Amino acid sequence: MNKQKTLFSSPFRRVHRSRRRTRLDGLRTRKKRRAKQIRKALQRAGRPEK
């Protein structure tokens, strides 16, 4: 029983942690990409960046 417990809990925890991290990274990269697109659009319009 003890073996089963460790086998189940450790991979589960690892998966949860990694999934959380990747989700945060994805949000961060999406924000950066958005900012880049906005900057490019402003430059095309000829307006100074704020």
C-alpha atoms as a PDB file:
ATOM      1  CA  MET A   1       0.000   0.000   0.000  1.00  0.00           C
ATOM      2  CA  ASN A   2       2.818   2.388   0.854  1.00  0.00           C
ATOM      3  CA  LYS A   3       4.453   1.816  -2.538  1.00  0.00           C
ATOM      4  CA  GLN A   4       1.215   2.558  -4.384  1.00  0.00           C
ATOM      5  CA  LYS A   5       0.741   5.757  -2.424  1.00  0.00           C
ATOM      6  CA  THR A   6       4.170   7.109  -3.347  1.00  0.00           C
ATOM      7  CA  LEU A   7       3.823   6.031  -6.962  1.00  0.00           C
ATOM      8  CA  PHE A   8       0.532   7.870  -7.277  1.00  0.00           C
ATOM      9  CA  SER A   9       1.287  11.019  -5.303  1.00  0.00           C
ATOM     10  CA  SER A  10       4.730  11.984  -6.641  1.00  0.00           C
ATOM     11  CA  PRO A  11       3.976  11.925 -10.407  1.00  0.00           C
ATOM     12  CA  PHE A  12       0.635  13.614  -9.800  1.00  0.00           C
ATOM     13  CA  ARG A  13       2.271  16.446  -7.909  1.00  0.00           C
ATOM     14  CA  ARG A  14       4.946  16.794 -10.580  1.00  0.00           C
ATOM     15  CA  VAL A  15       2.375  16.943 -13.367  1.00  0.00           C
ATOM     16  CA  HIS A  16       0.329  19.549 -11.506  1.00  0.00           C
ATOM     17  CA  ARG A  17       3.353  21.742 -10.872  1.00  0.00           C
ATOM     18  CA  SER A  18       4.575  21.613 -14.462  1.00  0.00           C
ATOM     19  CA  ARG A  19       1.115  22.271 -15.863  1.00  0.00           C
ATOM     20  CA  ARG A  20       0.767  25.331 -13.642  1.00  0.00           C
ATOM     21  CA  ARG A  21       4.150  26.685 -14.700  1.00  0.00           C
ATOM     22  CA  THR A  22       3.476  26.233 -18.416  1.00  0.00           C
ATOM     23  CA  ARG A  23       0.122  27.983 -18.097  1.00  0.00           C
ATOM     24  CA  LEU A  24       1.751  30.985 -16.444  1.00  0.00           C
ATOM     25  CA  ASP A  25       4.487  31.077 -19.089  1.00  0.00           C
ATOM     26  CA  GLY A  26       1.859  30.928 -21.821  1.00  0.00           C
ATOM     27  CA  LEU A  27       0.012  33.896 -20.369  1.00  0.00           C
ATOM     28  CA  ARG A  28       3.254  35.841 -20.088  1.00  0.00           C
ATOM     29  CA  THR A  29       4.274  35.160 -23.691  1.00  0.00           C
ATOM     30  CA  ARG A  30       0.782  36.030 -24.920  1.00  0.00           C
ATOM     31  CA  LYS A  31       0.986  39.416 -23.166  1.00  0.00           C
ATOM     32  CA  LYS A  32       4.412  40.068 -24.684  1.00  0.00           C
ATOM     33  CA  ARG A  33       3.152  39.130 -28.150  1.00  0.00           C
ATOM     34  CA  ARG A  34       0.151  41.456 -27.723  1.00  0.00           C
ATOM     35  CA  ALA A  35       2.413  44.308 -26.673  1.00  0.00           C
ATOM     36  CA  LYS A  36       4.619  43.749 -29.724  1.00  0.00           C
ATOM     37  CA  GLN A  37       1.618  43.786 -32.060  1.00  0.00           C
ATOM     38  CA  ILE A  38       0.306  47.017 -30.514  1.00  0.00           C
ATOM     39  CA  ARG A  39       3.744  48.632 -30.799  1.00  0.00           C
ATOM     40  CA  LYS A  40       4.016  47.655 -34.471  1.00  0.00           C
ATOM     41  CA  ALA A  41       0.529  48.999 -35.187  1.00  0.00           C
ATOM     42  CA  LEU A  42       1.366  52.314 -33.499  1.00  0.00           C
ATOM     43  CA  GLN A  43       4.596  52.643 -35.490  1.00  0.00           C
ATOM     44  CA  ARG A  44       2.702  51.952 -38.723  1.00  0.00           C
ATOM     45  CA  ALA A  45       0.176  54.658 -37.828  1.00  0.00           C
ATOM     46  CA  GLY A  46       3.079  57.037 -37.160  1.00  0.00           C
ATOM     47  CA  ARG A  47       2.111  57.793 -33.556  1.00  0.00           C
ATOM     48  CA  PRO A  48       4.748  58.049 -30.809  1.00  0.00           C
ATOM     49  CA  GLU A  49       4.698  55.250 -28.246  1.00  0.00           C
ATOM     50  CA  LYS A  50       3.398  56.125 -24.813  1.00  0.00           C
END
